[in-house]
Amino acid sequence: MGYLKHKGKKYTSVVLKISKNTDFSRILDELHQIFLAGINEKKIENIRYSLLELVNNSIRAHKEQKENRDILLRFKLAGQELIITLRDWGGGFDKSRLPYDLDQDVQKIDINDQNFLEYREVHGYQRFGMGLLITKKTFDRFKLSFTDHQGNIRDNYEEGQTAGTVIELRSTL
């Protein structure tokens, strides 16, 4: 049976609140203090890496939007499944602007494709379009949702109506 361990104590759920001003090394340290029993070390490292990519994207969005609410990163065990939810208030994004179709099979996405090269160039090599792709490769299930300004979850991004992003990740232990 799996369990979460954070700073030496066992939990079924752990929530990290991350400010847009949090030093990245502190975030990395917090992630290393979460032990996920029942998951091999290689997969844990892949999970940490993908979460760092997502958190970095959220922090950047919070800074761009001048948003002061915390980014929430929740780890939860439900039976033999790890559920990780990231929620931010960074304004969301139009997934059609990514350099690939987020709904296609990730194994068929070529990161050296012309769309990726143009995406990187347009964004001054500050964005690479890799965070969601890596995350989809790491987890068994991936669900992207958005929130409106009242905090209600919606399936689709709507310009001017979307206030943030919710990403739910699931992995079998």
Protein backbone atom coordinates (compact mmCIF):
# COMPACT_ATOMS: atom_id res chain seq x y z
CA MET A 1 0.00 0.00 0.00
CA GLY A 2 1.39 3.39 -0.97
CA TYR A 3 1.59 6.48 1.16
CA LEU A 4 2.82 10.05 1.04
CA LYS A 5 5.50 11.23 3.38
CA HIS A 6 6.25 14.94 3.80
CA LYS A 7 8.95 16.15 6.14
CA GLY A 8 8.99 12.78 7.90
CA LYS A 9 5.24 12.40 8.51
CA LYS A 10 2.79 10.15 6.66
CA TYR A 11 -0.24 11.69 4.96
CA THR A 12 -2.95 10.75 2.49
CA SER A 13 -2.92 14.30 1.11
CA VAL A 14 -0.33 17.10 0.98
CA VAL A 15 -0.94 20.63 -0.32
CA LEU A 16 1.86 23.01 -1.23
CA LYS A 17 1.04 26.71 -1.54
CA ILE A 18 3.47 28.41 -3.88
CA SER A 19 3.83 32.16 -4.24
CA LYS A 20 4.97 33.68 -7.52
CA ASN A 21 7.93 35.03 -5.52
CA THR A 22 9.02 31.68 -4.09
CA ASP A 23 12.64 30.89 -4.86
CA PHE A 24 12.80 27.99 -7.32
CA SER A 25 15.36 26.13 -5.20
CA ARG A 26 12.85 26.16 -2.32
CA ILE A 27 10.19 24.61 -4.56
CA LEU A 28 12.65 21.93 -5.63
CA ASP A 29 13.54 21.27 -1.99
CA GLU A 30 9.84 20.92 -1.06
CA LEU A 31 9.26 18.43 -3.88
CA HIS A 32 12.25 16.39 -2.70
CA GLN A 33 10.75 16.28 0.80
CA ILE A 34 7.66 14.50 -0.52
CA PHE A 35 8.20 10.74 -0.56
CA LEU A 36 5.81 8.71 -2.70
CA ALA A 37 5.83 5.14 -1.41
CA GLY A 38 4.93 2.55 -4.02
CA ILE A 39 6.45 4.44 -6.97
CA ASN A 40 9.93 3.63 -8.26
CA GLU A 41 12.65 6.28 -8.05
CA LYS A 42 12.93 6.83 -11.82
CA LYS A 43 9.21 7.59 -12.07
CA ILE A 44 9.41 9.87 -9.01
CA GLU A 45 12.15 11.88 -10.73
CA ASN A 46 10.03 12.14 -13.90
CA ILE A 47 7.08 13.30 -11.78
CA ARG A 48 9.22 15.95 -10.06
CA TYR A 49 10.60 17.18 -13.36
CA SER A 50 7.17 17.50 -14.97
CA LEU A 51 5.79 19.25 -11.88
CA LEU A 52 8.67 21.72 -11.91
CA GLU A 53 7.86 22.51 -15.56
CA LEU A 54 4.19 23.09 -14.71
CA VAL A 55 4.93 25.15 -11.59
CA ASN A 56 7.42 27.26 -13.55
CA ASN A 57 4.74 27.95 -16.17
CA SER A 58 2.27 28.92 -13.43
CA ILE A 59 4.76 31.23 -11.73
CA ARG A 60 5.53 32.95 -15.04
CA ALA A 61 1.79 33.39 -15.72
CA HIS A 62 1.19 34.78 -12.21
CA LYS A 63 3.98 37.31 -12.72
CA GLU A 64 2.67 38.31 -16.15
CA GLN A 65 -0.87 38.73 -14.77
CA LYS A 66 0.38 40.43 -11.57
CA GLU A 67 -1.60 37.78 -9.65
CA ASN A 68 -0.89 37.46 -5.93
CA ARG A 69 -2.94 34.37 -5.05
CA ASP A 70 -0.97 31.22 -4.35
CA ILE A 71 -0.52 28.40 -6.81
CA LEU A 72 -1.80 25.19 -5.22
CA LEU A 73 -0.12 21.85 -5.78
CA ARG A 74 -2.00 18.97 -4.15
CA PHE A 75 -0.83 15.37 -3.80
CA LYS A 76 -3.46 12.81 -2.83
CA LEU A 77 -3.54 9.04 -2.55
CA ALA A 78 -6.80 7.30 -3.41
CA GLY A 79 -6.42 3.55 -3.16
CA GLN A 80 -3.67 2.54 -5.59
CA GLU A 81 -3.68 5.86 -7.40
CA LEU A 82 -1.68 9.05 -6.96
CA ILE A 83 -3.64 12.16 -7.90
CA ILE A 84 -1.79 15.45 -8.30
CA THR A 85 -3.70 18.66 -8.95
CA LEU A 86 -2.12 21.97 -9.87
CA ARG A 87 -4.34 25.06 -9.71
CA ASP A 88 -3.24 28.54 -10.65
CA TRP A 89 -4.77 31.95 -11.31
CA GLY A 90 -2.44 32.91 -14.16
CA GLY A 91 -5.14 33.63 -16.73
CA GLY A 92 -5.19 30.25 -18.44
CA PHE A 93 -4.11 29.74 -22.03
CA ASP A 94 -5.52 28.81 -25.38
CA LYS A 95 -4.23 25.28 -26.01
CA SER A 96 -4.67 25.79 -29.77
CA ARG A 97 -1.64 28.11 -29.58
CA LEU A 98 0.65 25.28 -28.48
CA PRO A 99 3.04 23.92 -31.13
CA TYR A 100 1.13 20.60 -31.17
CA ASP A 101 -2.35 19.21 -30.60
CA LEU A 102 -2.53 18.46 -26.87
CA ASP A 103 -5.20 15.83 -27.49
CA GLN A 104 -3.11 13.71 -29.88
CA ASP A 105 -1.00 10.72 -28.88
CA VAL A 106 2.15 12.16 -27.28
CA GLN A 107 4.28 9.42 -28.84
CA LYS A 108 3.52 10.90 -32.27
CA ILE A 109 4.64 14.44 -31.40
CA ASP A 110 7.98 15.48 -32.90
CA ILE A 111 9.66 18.15 -30.76
CA ASN A 112 11.98 18.98 -33.67
CA ASP A 113 9.01 19.77 -35.89
CA GLN A 114 8.85 23.21 -37.55
CA ASN A 115 5.90 24.18 -35.28
CA PHE A 116 8.10 23.78 -32.19
CA LEU A 117 10.93 25.76 -33.74
CA GLU A 118 8.57 28.62 -34.66
CA TYR A 119 6.93 28.54 -31.21
CA ARG A 120 10.30 28.91 -29.50
CA GLU A 121 11.37 31.70 -31.82
CA VAL A 122 8.09 33.65 -31.46
CA HIS A 123 8.47 33.49 -27.67
CA GLY A 124 12.10 34.60 -27.70
CA TYR A 125 13.25 31.17 -26.55
CA GLN A 126 11.56 31.83 -23.20
CA ARG A 127 8.86 29.19 -23.86
CA PHE A 128 9.44 25.80 -25.36
CA GLY A 129 6.03 24.10 -25.23
CA MET A 130 7.47 21.14 -23.35
CA GLY A 131 5.84 21.27 -19.89
CA LEU A 132 2.46 19.78 -20.81
CA LEU A 133 4.03 17.36 -23.27
CA ILE A 134 6.45 15.96 -20.68
CA THR A 135 3.62 15.77 -18.15
CA LYS A 136 1.38 13.83 -20.53
CA LYS A 137 4.23 11.37 -21.12
CA THR A 138 4.80 10.93 -17.37
CA PHE A 139 1.28 10.32 -16.08
CA ASP A 140 -1.28 7.64 -16.89
CA ARG A 141 -4.06 10.23 -17.11
CA PHE A 142 -3.98 13.97 -17.74
CA LYS A 143 -6.91 16.38 -17.53
CA LEU A 144 -6.71 20.08 -18.36
CA SER A 145 -9.45 22.43 -17.15
CA PHE A 146 -9.81 26.13 -16.58
CA THR A 147 -11.42 28.32 -13.92
CA ASP A 148 -13.52 31.40 -14.36
CA HIS A 149 -13.18 34.45 -12.12
CA GLN A 150 -15.56 32.92 -9.54
CA GLY A 151 -13.47 29.76 -9.29
CA ASN A 152 -15.86 27.54 -11.25
CA ILE A 153 -14.14 24.85 -13.31
CA ARG A 154 -14.75 24.83 -17.06
CA ASP A 155 -13.57 22.47 -19.77
CA ASN A 156 -12.56 25.16 -22.25
CA TYR A 157 -10.48 28.32 -22.26
CA GLU A 158 -12.49 31.47 -22.99
CA GLU A 159 -10.68 34.72 -23.74
CA GLY A 160 -11.51 37.26 -21.02
CA GLN A 161 -13.53 34.73 -19.00
CA THR A 162 -10.77 32.35 -17.92
CA ALA A 163 -8.93 33.24 -14.72
CA GLY A 164 -6.72 30.20 -14.26
CA THR A 165 -5.75 26.64 -15.03
CA VAL A 166 -6.42 23.33 -13.28
CA ILE A 167 -4.35 20.32 -14.26
CA GLU A 168 -5.22 16.93 -12.77
CA LEU A 169 -2.67 14.14 -13.10
CA ARG A 170 -3.21 10.50 -12.17
CA SER A 171 -0.77 7.64 -11.90
CA THR A 172 -1.27 4.08 -10.70
CA LEU A 173 1.10 3.04 -7.90
